């Protein structure tokens, strides 16, 4: 008796791959939209210091220096109230 599940399984695999590609594209689009646009003033909006040239080359619209950007992305430590 021939196996009739072949096309069904193949269709499910194709659908899963298409869904994965859509999820990957959505993640890429979200990352691109999170990047700053335009030109930077070259001055950090947090500390007022100059933004590193290398950072501006990688992220032309950067508004924060590397130190301030890293501090902003780091979770705050839990305080010990004992």
PDB file of N, CA and C in Angstrom:
ATOM      1  N   UNK A   1       0.838  -1.166   0.000  1.00  0.00           N
ATOM      2  CA  UNK A   1       0.000   0.000   0.000  1.00  0.00           C
ATOM      3  C   UNK A   1       0.899   1.249   0.000  1.00  0.00           C
ATOM      4  N   UNK A   2       0.683   2.186  -0.913  1.00  0.00           N
ATOM      5  CA  UNK A   2       1.546   3.367  -0.994  1.00  0.00           C
ATOM      6  C   UNK A   2       1.325   4.295   0.201  1.00  0.00           C
ATOM      7  N   UNK A   3       2.397   4.987   0.595  1.00  0.00           N
ATOM      8  CA  UNK A   3       2.334   5.938   1.713  1.00  0.00           C
ATOM      9  C   UNK A   3       1.732   7.246   1.213  1.00  0.00           C
ATOM     10  N   UNK A   4       0.545   7.584   1.696  1.00  0.00           N
ATOM     11  CA  UNK A   4      -0.128   8.791   1.226  1.00  0.00           C
ATOM     12  C   UNK A   4       0.184  10.006   2.089  1.00  0.00           C
ATOM     13  N   UNK A   5       1.050   9.866   3.089  1.00  0.00           N
ATOM     14  CA  UNK A   5       1.355  10.997   3.969  1.00  0.00           C
ATOM     15  C   UNK A   5       2.430  11.908   3.392  1.00  0.00           C
ATOM     16  N   UNK A   6       3.117  11.487   2.354  1.00  0.00           N
ATOM     17  CA  UNK A   6       4.213  12.265   1.782  1.00  0.00           C
ATOM     18  C   UNK A   6       3.867  13.702   1.455  1.00  0.00           C
ATOM     19  N   UNK A   7       2.864  13.955   0.612  1.00  0.00           N
ATOM     20  CA  UNK A   7       2.530  15.342   0.268  1.00  0.00           C
ATOM     21  C   UNK A   7       2.066  16.150   1.474  1.00  0.00           C
ATOM     22  N   UNK A   8       1.359  15.507   2.400  1.00  0.00           N
ATOM     23  CA  UNK A   8       0.881  16.212   3.581  1.00  0.00           C
ATOM     24  C   UNK A   8       2.061  16.655   4.439  1.00  0.00           C
ATOM     25  N   UNK A   9       2.970  15.750   4.701  1.00  0.00           N
ATOM     26  CA  UNK A   9       4.134  16.076   5.526  1.00  0.00           C
ATOM     27  C   UNK A   9       4.999  17.108   4.817  1.00  0.00           C
ATOM     28  N   UNK A  10       5.189  16.938   3.528  1.00  0.00           N
ATOM     29  CA  UNK A  10       5.970  17.918   2.774  1.00  0.00           C
ATOM     30  C   UNK A  10       5.336  19.294   2.821  1.00  0.00           C
ATOM     31  N   UNK A  11       4.019  19.355   2.732  1.00  0.00           N
ATOM     32  CA  UNK A  11       3.312  20.634   2.807  1.00  0.00           C
ATOM     33  C   UNK A  11       3.456  21.284   4.167  1.00  0.00           C
ATOM     34  N   UNK A  12       3.415  20.458   5.231  1.00  0.00           N
ATOM     35  CA  UNK A  12       3.593  21.001   6.571  1.00  0.00           C
ATOM     36  C   UNK A  12       5.001  21.556   6.752  1.00  0.00           C
ATOM     37  N   UNK A  13       5.989  20.848   6.222  1.00  0.00           N
ATOM     38  CA  UNK A  13       7.369  21.310   6.328  1.00  0.00           C
ATOM     39  C   UNK A  13       7.555  22.619   5.578  1.00  0.00           C
ATOM     40  N   UNK A  14       6.962  22.708   4.383  1.00  0.00           N
ATOM     41  CA  UNK A  14       7.075  23.942   3.605  1.00  0.00           C
ATOM     42  C   UNK A  14       6.412  25.094   4.341  1.00  0.00           C
ATOM     43  N   UNK A  15       5.258  24.839   4.946  1.00  0.00           N
ATOM     44  CA  UNK A  15       4.554  25.877   5.699  1.00  0.00           C
ATOM     45  C   UNK A  15       5.359  26.334   6.901  1.00  0.00           C
ATOM     46  N   UNK A  16       6.005  25.410   7.573  1.00  0.00           N
ATOM     47  CA  UNK A  16       6.845  25.751   8.722  1.00  0.00           C
ATOM     48  C   UNK A  16       8.044  26.578   8.317  1.00  0.00           C
ATOM     49  N   UNK A  17       8.642  26.225   7.179  1.00  0.00           N
ATOM     50  CA  UNK A  17       9.792  26.977   6.696  1.00  0.00           C
ATOM     51  C   UNK A  17       9.366  28.390   6.312  1.00  0.00           C
ATOM     52  N   UNK A  18       8.217  28.508   5.671  1.00  0.00           N
ATOM     53  CA  UNK A  18       7.724  29.831   5.277  1.00  0.00           C
ATOM     54  C   UNK A  18       7.444  30.678   6.511  1.00  0.00           C
ATOM     55  N   UNK A  19       6.851  30.069   7.541  1.00  0.00           N
ATOM     56  CA  UNK A  19       6.569  30.794   8.773  1.00  0.00           C
ATOM     57  C   UNK A  19       7.872  31.228   9.448  1.00  0.00           C
ATOM     58  N   UNK A  20       8.878  30.359   9.445  1.00  0.00           N
ATOM     59  CA  UNK A  20      10.170  30.699  10.027  1.00  0.00           C
ATOM     60  C   UNK A  20      10.801  31.871   9.289  1.00  0.00           C
ATOM     61  N   UNK A  21      10.721  31.856   7.964  1.00  0.00           N
ATOM     62  CA  UNK A  21      11.278  32.956   7.176  1.00  0.00           C
ATOM     63  C   UNK A  21      10.557  34.264   7.474  1.00  0.00           C
ATOM     64  N   UNK A  22       9.247  34.193   7.670  1.00  0.00           N
ATOM     65  CA  UNK A  22       8.480  35.397   8.000  1.00  0.00           C
ATOM     66  C   UNK A  22       8.872  35.936   9.372  1.00  0.00           C
ATOM     67  N   UNK A  23       9.080  35.043  10.330  1.00  0.00           N
ATOM     68  CA  UNK A  23       9.496  35.467  11.668  1.00  0.00           C
ATOM     69  C   UNK A  23      10.887  36.091  11.643  1.00  0.00           C
ATOM     70  N   UNK A  24      11.786  35.507  10.876  1.00  0.00           N
ATOM     71  CA  UNK A  24      13.139  36.050  10.752  1.00  0.00           C
ATOM     72  C   UNK A  24      13.083  37.427  10.107  1.00  0.00           C
ATOM     73  N   UNK A  25      12.295  37.573   9.037  1.00  0.00           N
ATOM     74  CA  UNK A  25      12.185  38.866   8.363  1.00  0.00           C
ATOM     75  C   UNK A  25      11.583  39.909   9.296  1.00  0.00           C
ATOM     76  N   UNK A  26      10.599  39.528  10.099  1.00  0.00           N
ATOM     77  CA  UNK A  26       9.988  40.460  11.053  1.00  0.00           C
ATOM     78  C   UNK A  26      11.018  40.914  12.089  1.00  0.00           C
ATOM     79  N   UNK A  27      11.869  40.001  12.542  1.00  0.00           N
ATOM     80  CA  UNK A  27      12.914  40.359  13.508  1.00  0.00           C
ATOM     81  C   UNK A  27      13.934  41.300  12.884  1.00  0.00           C
ATOM     82  N   UNK A  28      14.297  41.051  11.642  1.00  0.00           N
ATOM     83  CA  UNK A  28      15.236  41.928  10.938  1.00  0.00           C
ATOM     84  C   UNK A  28      14.628  43.315  10.774  1.00  0.00           C
ATOM     85  N   UNK A  29      13.374  43.379  10.355  1.00  0.00           N
ATOM     86  CA  UNK A  29      12.697  44.665  10.180  1.00  0.00           C
ATOM     87  C   UNK A  29      12.631  45.436  11.496  1.00  0.00           C
ATOM     88  N   UNK A  30      12.314  44.743  12.590  1.00  0.00           N
ATOM     89  CA  UNK A  30      12.240  45.394  13.898  1.00  0.00           C
ATOM     90  C   UNK A  30      13.605  45.946  14.307  1.00  0.00           C
ATOM     91  N   UNK A  31      14.662  45.179  14.049  1.00  0.00           N
ATOM     92  CA  UNK A  31      16.011  45.637  14.386  1.00  0.00           C
ATOM     93  C   UNK A  31      16.394  46.858  13.559  1.00  0.00           C
ATOM     94  N   UNK A  32      16.062  46.840  12.284  1.00  0.00           N
ATOM     95  CA  UNK A  32      16.381  47.985  11.426  1.00  0.00           C
ATOM     96  C   UNK A  32      15.626  49.234  11.866  1.00  0.00           C
ATOM     97  N   UNK A  33      14.380  49.071  12.279  1.00  0.00           N
ATOM     98  CA  UNK A  33      13.590  50.223  12.717  1.00  0.00           C
ATOM     99  C   UNK A  33      14.052  50.761  14.067  1.00  0.00           C
ATOM    100  N   UNK A  34      14.769  49.956  14.835  1.00  0.00           N
ATOM    101  CA  UNK A  34      15.238  50.414  16.141  1.00  0.00           C
ATOM    102  C   UNK A  34      16.526  51.232  16.039  1.00  0.00           C
ATOM    103  N   UNK A  35      17.185  51.183  14.880  1.00  0.00           N
ATOM    104  CA  UNK A  35      18.410  51.959  14.698  1.00  0.00           C
ATOM    105  C   UNK A  35      18.075  53.433  14.542  1.00  0.00           C
ATOM    106  N   UNK A  36      18.894  54.311  15.109  1.00  0.00           N
ATOM    107  CA  UNK A  36      18.638  55.735  14.945  1.00  0.00           C
ATOM    108  C   UNK A  36      18.808  56.151  13.489  1.00  0.00           C
ATOM    109  N   UNK A  37      18.014  57.137  13.088  1.00  0.00           N
ATOM    110  CA  UNK A  37      18.081  57.622  11.712  1.00  0.00           C
ATOM    111  C   UNK A  37      18.750  58.989  11.674  1.00  0.00           C
ATOM    112  N   UNK A  38      19.225  59.357  10.511  1.00  0.00           N
ATOM    113  CA  UNK A  38      19.801  60.684  10.320  1.00  0.00           C
ATOM    114  C   UNK A  38      21.232  60.767  10.804  1.00  0.00           C
ATOM    115  N   UNK A  39      21.694  61.976  10.929  1.00  0.00           N
ATOM    116  CA  UNK A  39      23.068  62.222  11.356  1.00  0.00           C
ATOM    117  C   UNK A  39      23.087  62.524  12.841  1.00  0.00           C
ATOM    118  N   UNK A  40      24.167  62.181  13.467  1.00  0.00           N
ATOM    119  CA  UNK A  40      24.346  62.458  14.878  1.00  0.00           C
ATOM    120  C   UNK A  40      24.993  63.821  15.052  1.00  0.00           C
ATOM    121  N   UNK A  41      24.738  64.445  16.188  1.00  0.00           N
ATOM    122  CA  UNK A  41      25.426  65.694  16.517  1.00  0.00           C
ATOM    123  C   UNK A  41      26.853  65.411  16.963  1.00  0.00           C
ATOM    124  N   UNK A  42      27.126  64.140  17.293  1.00  0.00           N
ATOM    125  CA  UNK A  42      28.453  63.771  17.767  1.00  0.00           C
ATOM    126  C   UNK A  42      28.629  63.981  19.257  1.00  0.00           C
ATOM    127  N   UNK A  43      27.579  64.450  19.924  1.00  0.00           N
ATOM    128  CA  UNK A  43      27.627  64.694  21.363  1.00  0.00           C
ATOM    129  C   UNK A  43      26.583  63.817  22.037  1.00  0.00           C
ATOM    130  N   UNK A  44      26.987  63.128  23.099  1.00  0.00           N
ATOM    131  CA  UNK A  44      26.093  62.233  23.833  1.00  0.00           C
ATOM    132  C   UNK A  44      24.983  63.041  24.493  1.00  0.00           C
ATOM    133  N   UNK A  45      23.741  62.606  24.311  1.00  0.00           N
ATOM    134  CA  UNK A  45      22.601  63.308  24.913  1.00  0.00           C
ATOM    135  C   UNK A  45      22.479  63.049  26.404  1.00  0.00           C
ATOM    136  N   UNK A  46      23.222  62.064  26.926  1.00  0.00           N
ATOM    137  CA  UNK A  46      23.149  61.730  28.343  1.00  0.00           C
ATOM    138  C   UNK A  46      24.230  62.457  29.135  1.00  0.00           C
ATOM    139  N   UNK A  47      25.490  62.288  28.735  1.00  0.00           N
ATOM    140  CA  UNK A  47      26.594  62.845  29.523  1.00  0.00           C
ATOM    141  C   UNK A  47      27.219  64.101  28.909  1.00  0.00           C
ATOM    142  N   UNK A  48      26.918  64.374  27.649  1.00  0.00           N
ATOM    143  CA  UNK A  48      27.458  65.573  27.012  1.00  0.00           C
ATOM    144  C   UNK A  48      28.854  65.417  26.439  1.00  0.00           C
ATOM    145  N   UNK A  49      29.437  64.241  26.566  1.00  0.00           N
ATOM    146  CA  UNK A  49      30.772  63.984  26.015  1.00  0.00           C
ATOM    147  C   UNK A  49      30.669  63.644  24.528  1.00  0.00           C
ATOM    148  N   UNK A  50      31.801  63.679  23.843  1.00  0.00           N
ATOM    149  CA  UNK A  50      31.835  63.329  22.420  1.00  0.00           C
ATOM    150  C   UNK A  50      31.559  61.841  22.234  1.00  0.00           C
ATOM    151  N   UNK A  51      30.787  61.525  21.200  1.00  0.00           N
ATOM    152  CA  UNK A  51      30.519  60.123  20.855  1.00  0.00           C
ATOM    153  C   UNK A  51      31.718  59.613  20.072  1.00  0.00           C
ATOM    154  N   UNK A  52      32.171  58.422  20.395  1.00  0.00           N
ATOM    155  CA  UNK A  52      33.351  57.831  19.770  1.00  0.00           C
ATOM    156  C   UNK A  52      33.177  57.750  18.252  1.00  0.00           C
ATOM    157  N   UNK A  53      34.250  58.048  17.515  1.00  0.00           N
ATOM    158  CA  UNK A  53      34.213  58.030  16.045  1.00  0.00           C
ATOM    159  C   UNK A  53      33.842  56.647  15.520  1.00  0.00           C
ATOM    160  N   UNK A  54      34.375  55.603  16.121  1.00  0.00           N
ATOM    161  CA  UNK A  54      34.061  54.242  15.694  1.00  0.00           C
ATOM    162  C   UNK A  54      32.590  53.921  15.860  1.00  0.00           C
ATOM    163  N   UNK A  55      31.993  54.417  16.946  1.00  0.00           N
ATOM    164  CA  UNK A  55      30.551  54.196  17.173  1.00  0.00           C
ATOM    165  C   UNK A  55      29.741  54.925  16.110  1.00  0.00           C
ATOM    166  N   UNK A  56      30.151  56.130  15.773  1.00  0.00           N
ATOM    167  CA  UNK A  56      29.437  56.898  14.748  1.00  0.00           C
ATOM    168  C   UNK A  56      29.578  56.264  13.365  1.00  0.00           C
ATOM    169  N   UNK A  57      30.700  55.603  13.121  1.00  0.00           N
ATOM    170  CA  UNK A  57      30.859  54.891  11.845  1.00  0.00           C
ATOM    171  C   UNK A  57      29.891  53.718  11.764  1.00  0.00           C
ATOM    172  N   UNK A  58      29.728  52.998  12.875  1.00  0.00           N
ATOM    173  CA  UNK A  58      28.835  51.836  12.906  1.00  0.00           C
ATOM    174  C   UNK A  58      27.368  52.241  12.985  1.00  0.00           C
ATOM    175  N   UNK A  59      27.078  53.289  13.753  1.00  0.00           N
ATOM    176  CA  UNK A  59      25.699  53.752  13.953  1.00  0.00           C
ATOM    177  C   UNK A  59      25.688  55.263  13.694  1.00  0.00           C
ATOM    178  N   UNK A  60      25.545  55.661  12.443  1.00  0.00           N
ATOM    179  CA  UNK A  60      25.661  57.090  12.104  1.00  0.00           C
ATOM    180  C   UNK A  60      24.702  58.005  12.864  1.00  0.00           C
ATOM    181  N   UNK A  61      23.555  57.529  13.264  1.00  0.00           N
ATOM    182  CA  UNK A  61      22.595  58.371  13.978  1.00  0.00           C
ATOM    183  C   UNK A  61      22.670  58.240  15.488  1.00  0.00           C
ATOM    184  N   UNK A  62      23.742  57.672  16.019  1.00  0.00           N
ATOM    185  CA  UNK A  62      23.855  57.437  17.463  1.00  0.00           C
ATOM    186  C   UNK A  62      23.704  58.738  18.239  1.00  0.00           C
ATOM    187  N   UNK A  63      22.939  58.676  19.326  1.00  0.00           N
ATOM    188  CA  UNK A  63      22.761  59.870  20.155  1.00  0.00           C
ATOM    189  C   UNK A  63      23.425  59.723  21.518  1.00  0.00           C
ATOM    190  N   UNK A  64      23.910  58.507  21.822  1.00  0.00           N
ATOM    191  CA  UNK A  64      24.577  58.254  23.100  1.00  0.00           C
ATOM    192  C   UNK A  64      25.962  57.672  22.858  1.00  0.00           C
ATOM    193  N   UNK A  65      26.890  57.997  23.756  1.00  0.00           N
ATOM    194  CA  UNK A  65      28.221  57.389  23.670  1.00  0.00           C
ATOM    195  C   UNK A  65      28.108  55.920  24.070  1.00  0.00           C
ATOM    196  N   UNK A  66      29.164  55.170  23.845  1.00  0.00           N
ATOM    197  CA  UNK A  66      29.138  53.731  24.127  1.00  0.00           C
ATOM    198  C   UNK A  66      28.896  53.451  25.605  1.00  0.00           C
ATOM    199  N   UNK A  67      29.548  54.225  26.500  1.00  0.00           N
ATOM    200  CA  UNK A  67      29.377  53.997  27.938  1.00  0.00           C
ATOM    201  C   UNK A  67      27.931  54.207  28.372  1.00  0.00           C
ATOM    202  N   UNK A  68      27.317  55.306  27.920  1.00  0.00           N
ATOM    203  CA  UNK A  68      25.939  55.594  28.315  1.00  0.00           C
ATOM    204  C   UNK A  68      24.965  54.590  27.703  1.00  0.00           C
ATOM    205  N   UNK A  69      25.218  54.182  26.458  1.00  0.00           N
ATOM    206  CA  UNK A  69      24.358  53.194  25.820  1.00  0.00           C
ATOM    207  C   UNK A  69      24.441  51.865  26.556  1.00  0.00           C
ATOM    208  N   UNK A  70      25.656  51.499  26.995  1.00  0.00           N
ATOM    209  CA  UNK A  70      25.827  50.245  27.723  1.00  0.00           C
ATOM    210  C   UNK A  70      25.139  50.322  29.086  1.00  0.00           C
ATOM    211  N   UNK A  71      25.261  51.440  29.767  1.00  0.00           N
ATOM    212  CA  UNK A  71      24.607  51.595  31.073  1.00  0.00           C
ATOM    213  C   UNK A  71      23.090  51.527  30.927  1.00  0.00           C
ATOM    214  N   UNK A  72      22.559  52.107  29.856  1.00  0.00           N
ATOM    215  CA  UNK A  72      21.112  52.108  29.635  1.00  0.00           C
ATOM    216  C   UNK A  72      20.587  50.714  29.329  1.00  0.00           C
ATOM    217  N   UNK A  73      21.409  49.872  28.717  1.00  0.00           N
ATOM    218  CA  UNK A  73      20.944  48.534  28.347  1.00  0.00           C
ATOM    219  C   UNK A  73      21.187  47.508  29.441  1.00  0.00           C
ATOM    220  N   UNK A  74      21.946  47.873  30.451  1.00  0.00           N
ATOM    221  CA  UNK A  74      22.270  46.966  31.549  1.00  0.00           C
ATOM    222  C   UNK A  74      21.151  47.003  32.589  1.00  0.00           C
ATOM    223  N   UNK A  75      20.677  45.850  33.053  1.00  0.00           N
ATOM    224  CA  UNK A  75      19.647  45.860  34.098  1.00  0.00           C
ATOM    225  C   UNK A  75      20.199  46.439  35.396  1.00  0.00           C
ATOM    226  N   UNK A  76      19.363  47.137  36.106  1.00  0.00           N
ATOM    227  CA  UNK A  76      19.786  47.726  37.381  1.00  0.00           C
ATOM    228  C   UNK A  76      19.986  46.627  38.406  1.00  0.00           C
ATOM    229  N   UNK A  77      21.019  46.748  39.225  1.00  0.00           N
ATOM    230  CA  UNK A  77      21.230  45.728  40.271  1.00  0.00           C
ATOM    231  C   UNK A  77      20.137  45.835  41.319  1.00  0.00           C
ATOM    232  N   UNK A  78      19.781  44.704  41.888  1.00  0.00           N
ATOM    233  CA  UNK A  78      18.804  44.693  42.972  1.00  0.00           C
ATOM    234  C   UNK A  78      19.455  45.242  44.224  1.00  0.00           C
ATOM    235  N   UNK A  79      18.757  46.127  44.910  1.00  0.00           N
ATOM    236  CA  UNK A  79      19.322  46.684  46.135  1.00  0.00           C
ATOM    237  C   UNK A  79      19.062  45.717  47.282  1.00  0.00           C
ATOM    238  N   UNK A  80      19.996  45.672  48.190  1.00  0.00           N
ATOM    239  CA  UNK A  80      19.861  44.824  49.362  1.00  0.00           C
ATOM    240  C   UNK A  80      19.381  45.729  50.494  1.00  0.00           C
ATOM    241  N   UNK A  81      18.126  45.612  50.858  1.00  0.00           N
ATOM    242  CA  UNK A  81      17.538  46.501  51.867  1.00  0.00           C
ATOM    243  C   UNK A  81      17.646  45.943  53.286  1.00  0.00           C
ATOM    244  N   UNK A  82      18.494  44.945  53.501  1.00  0.00           N
ATOM    245  CA  UNK A  82      18.669  44.363  54.848  1.00  0.00           C
ATOM    246  C   UNK A  82      19.652  45.148  55.635  1.00  0.00           C
TER     247      UNK A  82
END
